[in-house]
């Protein structure tokens, strides 16, 4: 049985080719993918997650910086780079249209394997890092704190 590192490398290669069929084939039917943007379960949701990335960033690539030497789970540190030239689905359901901006996002992920497929995949990256590179900004609720309300009175 291949270890998680080999399967993860197969996934990275398929990702960099934007080969959605091969990306899906790396995952079990009941896989769970957990990212800062949300959770995807099963092939249909996994396909949707990757389709959104590939559509929004047609030149997106993953460069692996470091792989932890263990059989399972596979742990990698990576850099995602790409240019935002298509629609990109944001976590709130809004679609960000093309900005033409280049992004470089650092992250790490773990993959667990069962029956020759990825059964659990967790990605960790800073959403604010990618959104600020796309000209987004952090907006806080406009409610005033009790101290600010007293100061206005």
C-alpha atoms as a PDB file:
ATOM      1  CA  UNK A   1       0.000   0.000   0.000  1.00  0.00           C
ATOM      2  CA  UNK A   2       1.461   3.404  -0.908  1.00  0.00           C
ATOM      3  CA  UNK A   3       2.132   5.738   1.957  1.00  0.00           C
ATOM      4  CA  UNK A   4       0.473   9.124   2.300  1.00  0.00           C
ATOM      5  CA  UNK A   5       3.541  10.954   0.977  1.00  0.00           C
ATOM      6  CA  UNK A   6       3.335   9.198  -2.400  1.00  0.00           C
ATOM      7  CA  UNK A   7      -0.386   9.835  -2.700  1.00  0.00           C
ATOM      8  CA  UNK A   8       0.094  13.460  -1.664  1.00  0.00           C
ATOM      9  CA  UNK A   9       2.764  13.859  -4.367  1.00  0.00           C
ATOM     10  CA  UNK A  10       0.321  12.415  -6.904  1.00  0.00           C
ATOM     11  CA  UNK A  11      -2.256  14.980  -5.726  1.00  0.00           C
ATOM     12  CA  UNK A  12       0.256  17.869  -6.017  1.00  0.00           C
ATOM     13  CA  UNK A  13       1.196  16.798  -9.542  1.00  0.00           C
ATOM     14  CA  UNK A  14      -2.486  16.570 -10.584  1.00  0.00           C
ATOM     15  CA  UNK A  15      -3.177  19.945  -8.946  1.00  0.00           C
ATOM     16  CA  UNK A  16      -0.365  21.624 -10.885  1.00  0.00           C
ATOM     17  CA  UNK A  17      -1.697  20.165 -14.144  1.00  0.00           C
ATOM     18  CA  UNK A  18      -5.244  21.255 -13.124  1.00  0.00           C
ATOM     19  CA  UNK A  19      -6.273  17.659 -13.807  1.00  0.00           C
ATOM     20  CA  UNK A  20      -9.541  17.617 -11.881  1.00  0.00           C
ATOM     21  CA  UNK A  21     -10.256  13.947 -12.661  1.00  0.00           C
ATOM     22  CA  UNK A  22      -6.903  12.867 -11.243  1.00  0.00           C
ATOM     23  CA  UNK A  23      -7.348  15.150  -8.209  1.00  0.00           C
ATOM     24  CA  UNK A  24     -10.671  13.420  -7.494  1.00  0.00           C
ATOM     25  CA  UNK A  25      -9.200   9.948  -8.034  1.00  0.00           C
ATOM     26  CA  UNK A  26      -6.683  10.647  -5.244  1.00  0.00           C
ATOM     27  CA  UNK A  27      -9.574  10.946  -2.757  1.00  0.00           C
ATOM     28  CA  UNK A  28     -11.907   8.346  -1.258  1.00  0.00           C
ATOM     29  CA  UNK A  29     -15.656   8.684  -1.874  1.00  0.00           C
ATOM     30  CA  UNK A  30     -16.222   9.823   1.729  1.00  0.00           C
ATOM     31  CA  UNK A  31     -13.182  12.105   2.041  1.00  0.00           C
ATOM     32  CA  UNK A  32     -13.377  15.198   4.222  1.00  0.00           C
ATOM     33  CA  UNK A  33     -11.402  18.302   3.234  1.00  0.00           C
ATOM     34  CA  UNK A  34     -11.105  20.992   5.898  1.00  0.00           C
ATOM     35  CA  UNK A  35      -9.836  24.465   4.930  1.00  0.00           C
ATOM     36  CA  UNK A  36     -10.103  27.939   6.464  1.00  0.00           C
ATOM     37  CA  UNK A  37     -12.809  28.635   3.862  1.00  0.00           C
ATOM     38  CA  UNK A  38     -14.941  25.684   4.994  1.00  0.00           C
ATOM     39  CA  UNK A  39     -15.442  21.936   4.797  1.00  0.00           C
ATOM     40  CA  UNK A  40     -15.953  19.830   1.665  1.00  0.00           C
ATOM     41  CA  UNK A  41     -17.141  16.237   1.922  1.00  0.00           C
ATOM     42  CA  UNK A  42     -17.124  13.644  -0.849  1.00  0.00           C
ATOM     43  CA  UNK A  43     -16.118  13.818  -4.490  1.00  0.00           C
ATOM     44  CA  UNK A  44     -18.769  16.319  -5.596  1.00  0.00           C
ATOM     45  CA  UNK A  45     -17.843  18.956  -3.016  1.00  0.00           C
ATOM     46  CA  UNK A  46     -14.108  18.315  -3.458  1.00  0.00           C
ATOM     47  CA  UNK A  47     -14.510  18.791  -7.229  1.00  0.00           C
ATOM     48  CA  UNK A  48     -16.408  22.037  -6.654  1.00  0.00           C
ATOM     49  CA  UNK A  49     -13.671  23.342  -4.336  1.00  0.00           C
ATOM     50  CA  UNK A  50     -10.892  22.689  -6.858  1.00  0.00           C
ATOM     51  CA  UNK A  51     -12.970  23.862  -9.851  1.00  0.00           C
ATOM     52  CA  UNK A  52     -13.465  27.225  -8.124  1.00  0.00           C
ATOM     53  CA  UNK A  53      -9.713  27.566  -7.554  1.00  0.00           C
ATOM     54  CA  UNK A  54      -8.815  26.570 -11.120  1.00  0.00           C
ATOM     55  CA  UNK A  55     -11.459  28.879 -12.619  1.00  0.00           C
ATOM     56  CA  UNK A  56     -10.391  31.872 -10.539  1.00  0.00           C
ATOM     57  CA  UNK A  57      -6.652  31.236 -10.926  1.00  0.00           C
ATOM     58  CA  UNK A  58      -6.042  29.366 -14.214  1.00  0.00           C
ATOM     59  CA  UNK A  59      -2.260  29.494 -13.710  1.00  0.00           C
ATOM     60  CA  UNK A  60      -2.299  28.436 -10.036  1.00  0.00           C
ATOM     61  CA  UNK A  61       0.584  26.225  -8.972  1.00  0.00           C
ATOM     62  CA  UNK A  62       1.686  24.649  -5.728  1.00  0.00           C
ATOM     63  CA  UNK A  63       5.359  24.571  -4.832  1.00  0.00           C
ATOM     64  CA  UNK A  64       6.178  22.263  -1.929  1.00  0.00           C
ATOM     65  CA  UNK A  65       8.846  23.657   0.375  1.00  0.00           C
ATOM     66  CA  UNK A  66       9.048  20.915   2.927  1.00  0.00           C
ATOM     67  CA  UNK A  67       7.684  17.426   3.483  1.00  0.00           C
ATOM     68  CA  UNK A  68       7.752  15.837   6.936  1.00  0.00           C
ATOM     69  CA  UNK A  69       9.280  12.385   6.731  1.00  0.00           C
ATOM     70  CA  UNK A  70       6.512  10.178   8.076  1.00  0.00           C
ATOM     71  CA  UNK A  71       4.292   7.653   6.327  1.00  0.00           C
ATOM     72  CA  UNK A  72       0.875   8.849   7.510  1.00  0.00           C
ATOM     73  CA  UNK A  73      -0.290  11.519   7.709  1.00  0.00           C
ATOM     74  CA  UNK A  74       1.682  13.283   5.003  1.00  0.00           C
ATOM     75  CA  UNK A  75       2.549  16.807   6.109  1.00  0.00           C
ATOM     76  CA  UNK A  76       3.725  19.425   3.631  1.00  0.00           C
ATOM     77  CA  UNK A  77       4.484  23.134   3.650  1.00  0.00           C
ATOM     78  CA  UNK A  78       3.799  24.876   0.377  1.00  0.00           C
ATOM     79  CA  UNK A  79       3.370  28.087  -1.562  1.00  0.00           C
ATOM     80  CA  UNK A  80       0.386  28.642  -3.857  1.00  0.00           C
ATOM     81  CA  UNK A  81       0.922  31.172  -6.620  1.00  0.00           C
ATOM     82  CA  UNK A  82      -1.394  32.347  -9.348  1.00  0.00           C
ATOM     83  CA  UNK A  83      -3.056  35.248 -11.091  1.00  0.00           C
ATOM     84  CA  UNK A  84      -6.702  36.055 -10.410  1.00  0.00           C
ATOM     85  CA  UNK A  85      -8.146  36.192 -13.924  1.00  0.00           C
ATOM     86  CA  UNK A  86     -11.517  34.511 -13.382  1.00  0.00           C
ATOM     87  CA  UNK A  87     -14.399  34.528 -10.913  1.00  0.00           C
ATOM     88  CA  UNK A  88     -13.451  33.399  -7.403  1.00  0.00           C
ATOM     89  CA  UNK A  89     -16.019  32.243  -4.849  1.00  0.00           C
ATOM     90  CA  UNK A  90     -15.559  33.897  -1.449  1.00  0.00           C
ATOM     91  CA  UNK A  91     -16.556  32.147   1.809  1.00  0.00           C
ATOM     92  CA  UNK A  92     -19.672  34.328   2.265  1.00  0.00           C
ATOM     93  CA  UNK A  93     -21.015  33.184  -1.108  1.00  0.00           C
ATOM     94  CA  UNK A  94     -20.072  36.345  -3.013  1.00  0.00           C
ATOM     95  CA  UNK A  95     -18.100  36.036  -6.247  1.00  0.00           C
ATOM     96  CA  UNK A  96     -15.021  38.182  -6.718  1.00  0.00           C
ATOM     97  CA  UNK A  97     -14.636  39.014 -10.394  1.00  0.00           C
ATOM     98  CA  UNK A  98     -11.252  39.175 -12.080  1.00  0.00           C
ATOM     99  CA  UNK A  99      -8.752  41.522 -10.423  1.00  0.00           C
ATOM    100  CA  UNK A 100      -5.678  40.597 -12.481  1.00  0.00           C
ATOM    101  CA  UNK A 101      -3.682  40.464  -9.254  1.00  0.00           C
ATOM    102  CA  UNK A 102      -0.978  37.904  -8.556  1.00  0.00           C
ATOM    103  CA  UNK A 103      -1.138  36.036  -5.241  1.00  0.00           C
ATOM    104  CA  UNK A 104       1.425  34.057  -3.273  1.00  0.00           C
ATOM    105  CA  UNK A 105      -0.036  32.263  -0.265  1.00  0.00           C
ATOM    106  CA  UNK A 106       1.918  30.148   2.201  1.00  0.00           C
ATOM    107  CA  UNK A 107       0.320  27.175   3.869  1.00  0.00           C
ATOM    108  CA  UNK A 108       0.595  23.675   5.202  1.00  0.00           C
ATOM    109  CA  UNK A 109      -1.532  20.583   4.894  1.00  0.00           C
ATOM    110  CA  UNK A 110      -1.920  17.062   6.198  1.00  0.00           C
ATOM    111  CA  UNK A 111      -3.347  14.039   4.405  1.00  0.00           C
ATOM    112  CA  UNK A 112      -4.377  10.724   5.908  1.00  0.00           C
ATOM    113  CA  UNK A 113      -4.752   7.648   3.734  1.00  0.00           C
ATOM    114  CA  UNK A 114      -6.935   4.545   3.819  1.00  0.00           C
ATOM    115  CA  UNK A 115      -7.432   1.916   1.109  1.00  0.00           C
ATOM    116  CA  UNK A 116      -5.027   3.680  -1.301  1.00  0.00           C
ATOM    117  CA  UNK A 117      -7.006   6.970  -1.175  1.00  0.00           C
ATOM    118  CA  UNK A 118      -6.919  10.224   0.795  1.00  0.00           C
ATOM    119  CA  UNK A 119      -9.574   9.963   3.511  1.00  0.00           C
ATOM    120  CA  UNK A 120      -8.800  13.174   5.371  1.00  0.00           C
ATOM    121  CA  UNK A 121      -7.181  16.355   4.120  1.00  0.00           C
ATOM    122  CA  UNK A 122      -6.626  19.483   6.203  1.00  0.00           C
ATOM    123  CA  UNK A 123      -5.224  22.692   4.740  1.00  0.00           C
ATOM    124  CA  UNK A 124      -4.066  25.614   6.842  1.00  0.00           C
ATOM    125  CA  UNK A 125      -3.447  29.032   5.308  1.00  0.00           C
ATOM    126  CA  UNK A 126      -4.097  32.645   6.191  1.00  0.00           C
ATOM    127  CA  UNK A 127      -7.256  33.789   4.401  1.00  0.00           C
ATOM    128  CA  UNK A 128      -6.389  37.411   5.114  1.00  0.00           C
ATOM    129  CA  UNK A 129      -3.097  36.941   3.273  1.00  0.00           C
ATOM    130  CA  UNK A 130      -4.860  35.948   0.048  1.00  0.00           C
ATOM    131  CA  UNK A 131      -7.718  38.460   0.368  1.00  0.00           C
ATOM    132  CA  UNK A 132      -5.428  41.443   0.973  1.00  0.00           C
ATOM    133  CA  UNK A 133      -3.395  40.435  -2.085  1.00  0.00           C
ATOM    134  CA  UNK A 134      -6.679  40.561  -4.035  1.00  0.00           C
ATOM    135  CA  UNK A 135      -7.350  44.109  -2.716  1.00  0.00           C
ATOM    136  CA  UNK A 136      -9.729  42.941  -0.015  1.00  0.00           C
ATOM    137  CA  UNK A 137      -9.823  44.520   3.387  1.00  0.00           C
ATOM    138  CA  UNK A 138     -10.827  43.490   6.866  1.00  0.00           C
ATOM    139  CA  UNK A 139     -14.110  45.108   7.911  1.00  0.00           C
ATOM    140  CA  UNK A 140     -15.342  44.973  11.468  1.00  0.00           C
ATOM    141  CA  UNK A 141     -18.930  45.255  12.591  1.00  0.00           C
ATOM    142  CA  UNK A 142     -19.871  48.910  12.906  1.00  0.00           C
ATOM    143  CA  UNK A 143     -21.330  48.507  16.388  1.00  0.00           C
ATOM    144  CA  UNK A 144     -19.658  50.673  18.961  1.00  0.00           C
ATOM    145  CA  UNK A 145     -18.234  49.263  22.161  1.00  0.00           C
ATOM    146  CA  UNK A 146     -19.839  50.438  25.450  1.00  0.00           C
ATOM    147  CA  UNK A 147     -16.811  52.717  26.070  1.00  0.00           C
ATOM    148  CA  UNK A 148     -17.180  54.332  22.608  1.00  0.00           C
ATOM    149  CA  UNK A 149     -20.933  54.858  23.158  1.00  0.00           C
ATOM    150  CA  UNK A 150     -20.257  56.642  26.487  1.00  0.00           C
ATOM    151  CA  UNK A 151     -17.632  58.837  24.821  1.00  0.00           C
ATOM    152  CA  UNK A 152     -20.170  59.916  22.154  1.00  0.00           C
ATOM    153  CA  UNK A 153     -22.794  60.882  24.778  1.00  0.00           C
END
